[in-house]
Amino acid sequence: MWQKMITWLARRLRSRYVRLLEEEVSRLRAENRALVNSLLGTAGFPPISLEDDARARPVALPPVRKRTWTQIARDRELAASRVTAEK
């Protein structure tokens, strides 16, 4: 009897906790959307609507191509030569 009651109580509390977390997530998403829209408005772009969020799907990004040490050294030499040429 006690075991069933404890199980029921734990299930109720867990569902309440999950509901609170879901509400917090939706609040944070709305806040983030408002901040992004504010930044977009400052930059002169139209705001993102709720429908855009519903249609958004994750996009696979291409892998980042790492530069070799030779390329990095060449870039540094070019930057240094630009600095000396300006003086």
Protein backbone atom coordinates (compact mmCIF):
# COMPACT_ATOMS: atom_id res chain seq x y z
CA MET A 1 0.00 0.00 0.00
CA TRP A 2 2.72 2.48 1.00
CA GLN A 3 4.81 1.49 -1.99
CA LYS A 4 1.96 2.30 -4.39
CA MET A 5 1.36 5.62 -2.67
CA ILE A 6 5.04 6.57 -2.82
CA THR A 7 5.18 5.58 -6.50
CA TRP A 8 2.08 7.66 -7.28
CA LEU A 9 3.46 10.66 -5.37
CA ALA A 10 6.84 10.39 -7.10
CA ARG A 11 5.13 10.23 -10.51
CA ARG A 12 3.03 13.29 -9.73
CA LEU A 13 6.01 15.29 -8.49
CA ARG A 14 8.11 14.26 -11.47
CA SER A 15 5.41 15.28 -13.93
CA ARG A 16 5.07 18.65 -12.16
CA TYR A 17 8.85 19.13 -12.39
CA VAL A 18 8.85 18.25 -16.09
CA ARG A 19 5.97 20.68 -16.70
CA LEU A 20 7.90 23.43 -14.91
CA LEU A 21 10.97 22.70 -17.03
CA GLU A 22 8.94 22.80 -20.24
CA GLU A 23 7.43 26.15 -19.24
CA GLU A 24 10.91 27.48 -18.51
CA VAL A 25 12.15 26.29 -21.91
CA SER A 26 9.27 27.99 -23.71
CA ARG A 27 9.87 31.21 -21.74
CA LEU A 28 13.58 31.17 -22.61
CA ARG A 29 12.82 30.51 -26.29
CA ALA A 30 10.47 33.48 -26.38
CA GLU A 31 13.08 35.65 -24.67
CA ASN A 32 15.79 34.51 -27.09
CA ARG A 33 13.49 35.20 -30.06
CA ALA A 34 12.83 38.70 -28.75
CA LEU A 35 16.56 39.37 -28.35
CA VAL A 36 17.34 38.03 -31.83
CA ASN A 37 14.54 40.13 -33.33
CA SER A 38 15.92 43.17 -31.54
CA LEU A 39 19.38 42.56 -32.98
CA LEU A 40 17.96 41.89 -36.44
CA GLY A 41 15.95 45.10 -36.26
CA THR A 42 19.06 47.04 -35.34
CA ALA A 43 20.87 45.51 -38.32
CA GLY A 44 17.97 46.34 -40.65
CA PHE A 45 16.60 42.82 -41.20
CA PRO A 46 12.98 41.71 -40.79
CA PRO A 47 12.10 39.93 -37.52
CA ILE A 48 11.72 36.17 -37.19
CA SER A 49 8.12 35.02 -36.72
CA LEU A 50 6.79 32.02 -34.80
CA GLU A 51 5.99 30.24 -38.08
CA ASP A 52 9.66 30.46 -39.04
CA ASP A 53 10.53 28.61 -35.83
CA ALA A 54 8.09 25.82 -36.61
CA ARG A 55 9.52 25.32 -40.11
CA ALA A 56 13.15 25.52 -39.03
CA ARG A 57 15.04 22.29 -39.37
CA PRO A 58 18.63 21.68 -38.39
CA VAL A 59 20.99 22.07 -41.31
CA ALA A 60 24.12 19.98 -41.59
CA LEU A 61 27.11 22.29 -41.74
CA PRO A 62 30.09 21.38 -43.87
CA PRO A 63 33.14 20.28 -41.90
CA VAL A 64 35.58 23.02 -40.96
CA ARG A 65 38.71 22.89 -43.07
CA LYS A 66 41.74 23.28 -40.88
CA ARG A 67 44.66 25.27 -42.16
CA THR A 68 48.11 23.74 -42.24
CA TRP A 69 51.06 25.26 -40.44
CA THR A 70 52.49 26.25 -43.81
CA GLN A 71 49.35 28.26 -44.63
CA ILE A 72 49.37 29.88 -41.18
CA ALA A 73 53.07 30.82 -41.53
CA ARG A 74 52.44 32.30 -45.00
CA ASP A 75 49.56 34.41 -43.65
CA ARG A 76 51.73 35.66 -40.80
CA GLU A 77 54.53 36.59 -43.20
CA LEU A 78 52.09 38.48 -45.44
CA ALA A 79 50.66 40.35 -42.44
CA ALA A 80 54.15 41.24 -41.22
CA SER A 81 55.19 42.46 -44.67
CA ARG A 82 52.05 44.66 -44.85
CA VAL A 83 52.91 46.21 -41.49
CA THR A 84 56.49 46.99 -42.57
CA ALA A 85 55.32 48.32 -45.96
CA GLU A 86 52.93 50.76 -44.25
CA LYS A 87 55.74 52.24 -42.12
